[in-house]
Protein backbone atom coordinates (compact mmCIF):
# COMPACT_ATOMS: atom_id res chain seq x y z
CA MET A 1 -94.91 95.41 53.09
CA CYS A 2 -97.81 97.72 52.11
CA SER A 3 -98.72 98.23 48.72
CA SER A 4 -98.02 101.84 48.84
CA ASP A 5 -94.14 100.69 49.53
CA LEU A 6 -94.24 98.04 46.52
CA ALA A 7 -95.24 101.02 44.55
CA GLU A 8 -92.37 102.57 45.24
CA THR A 9 -89.69 99.81 45.21
CA GLY A 10 -90.67 97.59 42.61
CA GLY A 11 -90.52 94.69 45.44
CA TRP A 12 -92.04 92.02 44.05
CA PRO A 13 -90.32 88.63 44.71
CA GLY A 14 -92.81 86.40 43.04
CA ARG A 15 -96.09 85.71 42.40
CA GLN A 16 -97.48 84.46 45.11
CA GLU A 17 -101.16 83.28 46.52
CA GLY A 18 -103.51 86.14 46.82
CA GLN A 19 -101.10 88.68 45.52
CA SER A 20 -102.82 89.91 42.16
CA ALA A 21 -105.26 91.78 44.60
CA ILE A 22 -102.02 93.68 46.12
CA LEU A 23 -100.36 94.20 42.51
CA ASP A 24 -103.85 95.50 41.28
CA GLU A 25 -103.81 98.34 44.40
CA THR A 26 -100.40 98.75 44.24
CA ILE A 27 -101.13 99.80 40.40
CA SER A 28 -103.33 101.82 41.40
CA THR A 29 -101.78 103.85 44.03
CA ALA A 30 -98.62 104.09 41.35
CA ARG A 31 -101.13 105.65 39.41
CA GLU A 32 -102.30 108.03 41.53
CA ALA A 33 -99.31 109.00 42.55
CA VAL A 34 -98.29 109.84 39.05
CA ALA A 35 -101.39 111.54 38.92
CA ALA A 36 -100.67 113.73 41.66
CA THR A 37 -97.30 114.58 40.65
CA ALA A 38 -96.98 118.11 38.97
CA ALA A 39 -95.11 118.08 35.37
CA GLY A 40 -91.62 118.93 35.78
CA ASP A 41 -91.56 117.56 39.43
CA THR A 42 -88.18 115.75 39.98
CA GLY A 43 -89.92 113.07 41.43
CA LYS A 44 -91.95 112.37 38.68
CA PRO A 45 -89.48 110.12 36.69
CA GLY A 46 -89.30 108.00 39.35
CA ARG A 47 -92.82 107.43 39.66
CA LEU A 48 -93.79 106.80 36.49
CA ALA A 49 -90.62 104.16 36.55
CA ASN A 50 -92.13 102.44 39.58
CA LEU A 51 -95.57 102.83 37.52
CA SER A 52 -93.77 100.66 34.66
CA GLU A 53 -92.25 98.40 37.09
CA ALA A 54 -95.48 97.30 38.42
CA LEU A 55 -97.20 96.73 35.24
CA SER A 56 -94.49 94.57 33.80
CA VAL A 57 -95.03 92.39 36.91
CA ARG A 58 -98.39 92.01 36.35
CA PHE A 59 -97.69 91.34 32.42
CA ALA A 60 -95.34 88.60 33.87
CA TRP A 61 -98.20 87.25 35.73
CA ASN A 62 -101.06 87.61 33.55
CA ARG A 63 -99.54 88.01 29.95
CA ARG A 64 -101.99 90.98 28.75
CA ALA A 65 -100.46 93.18 25.98
CA SER A 66 -101.89 96.19 27.60
CA ASP A 67 -100.28 95.90 30.60
CA ALA A 68 -96.61 95.36 28.58
CA ASP A 69 -97.73 98.08 26.29
CA GLU A 70 -98.78 100.65 29.32
CA ALA A 71 -95.36 99.51 30.76
CA LEU A 72 -93.60 100.54 27.73
CA GLU A 73 -95.27 103.69 27.18
CA THR A 74 -95.01 104.54 31.44
CA ALA A 75 -91.22 103.83 31.02
CA GLN A 76 -90.83 106.00 27.88
CA ALA A 77 -92.19 109.05 29.55
CA ALA A 78 -89.97 108.26 32.84
CA LEU A 79 -86.88 108.54 30.97
CA GLN A 80 -87.93 111.72 28.35
CA PRO A 81 -87.33 114.23 30.88
CA LEU A 82 -84.01 113.40 32.24
CA PRO A 83 -80.69 114.24 30.83
CA ARG A 84 -77.88 111.54 29.67
CA ASP A 85 -75.94 111.77 32.89
CA HIS A 86 -78.82 111.75 35.71
CA PRO A 87 -78.20 109.42 38.46
CA ALA A 88 -82.32 108.40 37.78
CA ARG A 89 -81.69 107.54 34.66
CA ALA A 90 -80.52 104.14 35.04
CA ASP A 91 -83.70 103.29 37.43
CA CYS A 92 -85.75 104.37 34.24
CA LEU A 93 -83.46 102.64 31.70
CA ALA A 94 -83.89 99.40 34.12
CA ALA A 95 -87.98 99.78 33.97
CA LEU A 96 -87.81 100.76 30.00
CA GLY A 97 -85.53 97.37 29.42
CA ARG A 98 -87.92 95.37 31.34
CA ALA A 99 -90.86 96.91 29.37
CA TRP A 100 -88.93 96.19 25.90
CA HIS A 101 -88.06 92.74 27.29
CA ASN A 102 -91.88 92.23 27.77
CA GLN A 103 -92.65 93.39 24.00
CA SER A 104 -90.31 90.98 22.98
CA GLN A 105 -92.28 87.85 24.62
CA ALA A 106 -95.71 88.26 22.84
CA PRO A 107 -97.91 85.78 24.16
CA GLY A 108 -98.26 82.40 21.92
CA SER A 109 -94.87 83.25 20.47
CA ARG A 110 -92.30 80.48 20.71
CA ALA A 111 -89.37 82.50 20.50
CA PRO A 112 -88.57 86.52 21.56
CA ASP A 113 -88.64 89.58 18.54
CA LEU A 114 -85.35 89.60 18.54
CA GLY A 115 -85.16 93.54 17.36
CA LEU A 116 -87.27 94.11 20.65
CA LEU A 117 -84.78 92.23 22.66
CA ALA A 118 -81.90 94.13 21.40
CA ARG A 119 -83.89 97.63 22.46
CA ALA A 120 -84.26 95.96 26.08
CA PHE A 121 -80.29 95.10 26.09
CA ALA A 122 -79.10 98.37 24.75
CA ALA A 123 -81.36 100.01 27.86
CA TRP A 124 -79.82 97.61 30.22
CA GLY A 125 -76.49 97.92 28.68
CA GLU A 126 -76.97 102.03 28.91
CA GLY A 127 -78.25 101.58 32.29
CA SER A 128 -75.46 99.38 33.38
CA ASP A 129 -72.70 101.93 32.34
CA LEU A 130 -74.05 105.33 33.95
CA PRO A 131 -71.26 106.30 35.79
CA ALA A 132 -73.61 109.12 38.12
CA ALA A 133 -76.13 106.40 38.95
CA PRO A 134 -75.77 103.95 42.20
CA ALA A 135 -73.62 100.87 41.18
CA SER A 136 -76.84 98.82 42.83
CA THR A 137 -79.04 100.19 40.18
CA ARG A 138 -76.44 99.73 37.22
CA LEU A 139 -76.08 96.21 39.04
CA THR A 140 -79.54 95.73 38.35
CA CYS A 141 -79.55 96.33 34.43
CA ALA A 142 -76.57 94.29 34.09
CA LEU A 143 -78.22 91.13 35.80
CA ARG A 144 -81.66 91.87 33.85
CA TRP A 145 -79.44 92.00 30.54
CA ALA A 146 -77.44 88.61 31.36
CA GLN A 147 -80.18 86.84 32.30
CA ALA A 148 -82.60 87.80 29.17
CA ALA A 149 -79.64 87.47 26.92
CA ARG A 150 -79.31 83.45 28.67
CA ASP A 151 -82.56 82.93 28.50
CA ALA A 152 -83.01 84.08 24.88
CA GLY A 153 -80.02 81.63 24.39
CA LEU A 154 -77.66 84.84 22.68
CA ALA A 155 -74.05 83.68 23.94
CA ALA A 156 -72.45 87.02 22.53
CA ALA A 157 -75.30 89.46 24.47
CA ALA A 158 -74.73 87.17 28.07
CA GLU A 159 -71.06 87.43 27.59
CA ALA A 160 -71.30 91.62 26.99
CA ALA A 161 -73.68 91.61 30.32
CA HIS A 162 -71.64 89.30 32.71
CA ALA A 163 -68.39 91.66 31.51
CA ALA A 164 -70.30 94.69 32.40
CA ILE A 165 -71.45 92.79 35.99
CA ALA A 166 -67.87 91.89 36.59
CA VAL A 167 -66.95 95.65 35.88
CA LEU A 168 -69.56 96.68 38.77
CA LEU A 169 -68.88 94.29 41.31
CA PRO A 170 -66.09 96.08 43.03
CA LEU A 171 -67.86 98.93 42.93
CA LEU A 172 -70.15 97.26 45.23
CA ALA A 173 -67.82 95.36 47.46
CA TRP A 174 -67.08 95.88 51.07
CA ARG A 175 -63.43 97.52 51.19
CA GLY A 176 -63.61 97.89 55.06
CA LEU A 177 -61.82 95.63 57.65
CA ASP A 178 -64.07 93.53 59.63
CA ARG A 179 -63.54 94.11 63.56
CA GLY A 180 -62.68 91.45 65.65
């Protein structure tokens, strides 16, 4: 997959040897895409969310606070023009939740900032409960919420996230008949 495709999908499986340069190129490409998109263009929120996701991946790899800060600012900018019922809002909320989660994981800290983590949970919770959004994107929000809650040892939040996952699974299940 080329870096421009990765910028569009946020598709980073995990850090592999030599991928830092590819990620840097992806972020550069995503920034160029955002800069080339006119204000008011319906594609701008998605491009901003993609940039935020790539910055969040780089933060996870290098723990530079500047990447976490930019990811948060970019995700917030992605949400601004979207009405509360817009289908693309869930993608932006997924990016925003991840950015808040990054902010809660201050380098050198032993425990996450629970206030910032609550903001991440709120973003993911809203994204998982947005009926107009694709079920797969809603599930992404719920899964991130559940994983972050589990990692922080917050049983009640993990339970709420898993309840959201249970609601979404029937929307993703195959309902057709197999041939044969």
